[in-house]
Amino acid sequence: MGDKLRSLQTDTPEKGFELAVKLAQKGVEVTQPSEKIRKKLRPKYSTNADSLIAVSQVIAIHYQTVAAANNYWRVRVNY
């Protein structure tokens, strides 16, 4: 799987969102390990509103997890 996930800790909410996107991408790679098949399927899901909404939901769930692991950044970031 390549890059090992060492922690859900991030310095900022923006970095947390980037990590959530990376988690979603890695999930797809694990589910469908063939890059050739992923590239073949992409034109179908990249223009399908339901697929795009589903991707957004997966990222949002990962972001909730990362945010909780970071205590919603209250300790590190003063807003």
Protein backbone atom coordinates (compact mmCIF):
# COMPACT_ATOMS: atom_id res chain seq x y z
CA MET A 1 0.00 0.00 0.00
CA GLY A 2 2.98 2.30 -0.01
CA ASP A 3 2.85 5.20 2.44
CA LYS A 4 2.23 3.96 5.96
CA LEU A 5 -0.20 5.90 8.08
CA ARG A 6 1.66 6.75 11.25
CA SER A 7 -0.83 9.07 12.92
CA LEU A 8 -4.09 10.94 12.49
CA GLN A 9 -2.50 13.94 14.18
CA THR A 10 -2.21 17.04 11.99
CA ASP A 11 -1.19 20.60 12.75
CA THR A 12 -4.16 22.33 11.15
CA PRO A 13 -7.69 21.61 9.96
CA GLU A 14 -6.46 22.09 6.38
CA LYS A 15 -3.83 19.38 6.83
CA GLY A 16 -6.54 17.24 8.43
CA PHE A 17 -8.68 17.60 5.32
CA GLU A 18 -5.72 16.65 3.12
CA LEU A 19 -5.27 13.54 5.26
CA ALA A 20 -8.98 12.71 4.92
CA VAL A 21 -8.68 12.90 1.12
CA LYS A 22 -5.57 10.71 1.23
CA LEU A 23 -7.43 8.14 3.36
CA ALA A 24 -10.25 8.05 0.82
CA GLN A 25 -7.78 7.62 -2.04
CA LYS A 26 -5.96 4.81 -0.24
CA GLY A 27 -9.30 3.13 0.45
CA VAL A 28 -10.02 3.02 -3.27
CA GLU A 29 -6.54 1.62 -3.99
CA VAL A 30 -7.04 -1.15 -1.44
CA THR A 31 -10.52 -1.95 -2.73
CA GLN A 32 -9.42 -1.94 -6.38
CA PRO A 33 -5.66 -2.55 -6.54
CA SER A 34 -5.49 -2.50 -10.35
CA GLU A 35 -4.51 0.96 -11.56
CA LYS A 36 -5.57 -0.05 -15.07
CA ILE A 37 -9.12 -0.82 -13.92
CA ARG A 38 -9.32 2.36 -11.80
CA LYS A 39 -8.33 4.45 -14.83
CA LYS A 40 -10.88 2.62 -16.97
CA LEU A 41 -13.69 3.28 -14.46
CA ARG A 42 -12.85 6.91 -13.77
CA PRO A 43 -14.67 8.46 -16.77
CA LYS A 44 -17.91 6.84 -15.59
CA TYR A 45 -17.83 7.94 -11.96
CA SER A 46 -16.18 11.32 -12.54
CA THR A 47 -19.27 12.53 -14.43
CA ASN A 48 -21.88 10.87 -12.22
CA ALA A 49 -23.41 13.17 -9.59
CA ASP A 50 -24.30 10.28 -7.26
CA SER A 51 -20.73 8.97 -7.38
CA LEU A 52 -19.30 12.41 -6.67
CA ILE A 53 -21.65 12.88 -3.72
CA ALA A 54 -20.65 9.45 -2.39
CA VAL A 55 -16.97 10.40 -2.60
CA SER A 56 -17.67 13.62 -0.72
CA GLN A 57 -19.45 11.63 1.98
CA VAL A 58 -16.50 9.26 2.39
CA ILE A 59 -14.08 12.19 2.70
CA ALA A 60 -16.39 13.88 5.21
CA ILE A 61 -16.49 10.75 7.38
CA HIS A 62 -12.70 10.49 7.29
CA TYR A 63 -12.46 14.19 8.14
CA GLN A 64 -14.71 13.69 11.17
CA THR A 65 -12.41 10.92 12.35
CA VAL A 66 -9.27 13.01 11.85
CA ALA A 67 -10.88 16.02 13.54
CA ALA A 68 -11.89 13.94 16.56
CA ALA A 69 -8.36 12.51 16.79
CA ASN A 70 -7.06 16.06 16.88
CA ASN A 71 -9.58 17.20 19.51
CA TYR A 72 -10.97 19.43 16.76
CA TRP A 73 -7.69 21.38 16.80
CA ARG A 74 -8.79 23.35 19.88
CA VAL A 75 -5.57 22.59 21.73
CA ARG A 76 -3.20 23.58 18.90
CA VAL A 77 -5.04 26.35 17.09
CA ASN A 78 -6.33 29.49 18.72
CA TYR A 79 -9.35 30.78 16.86
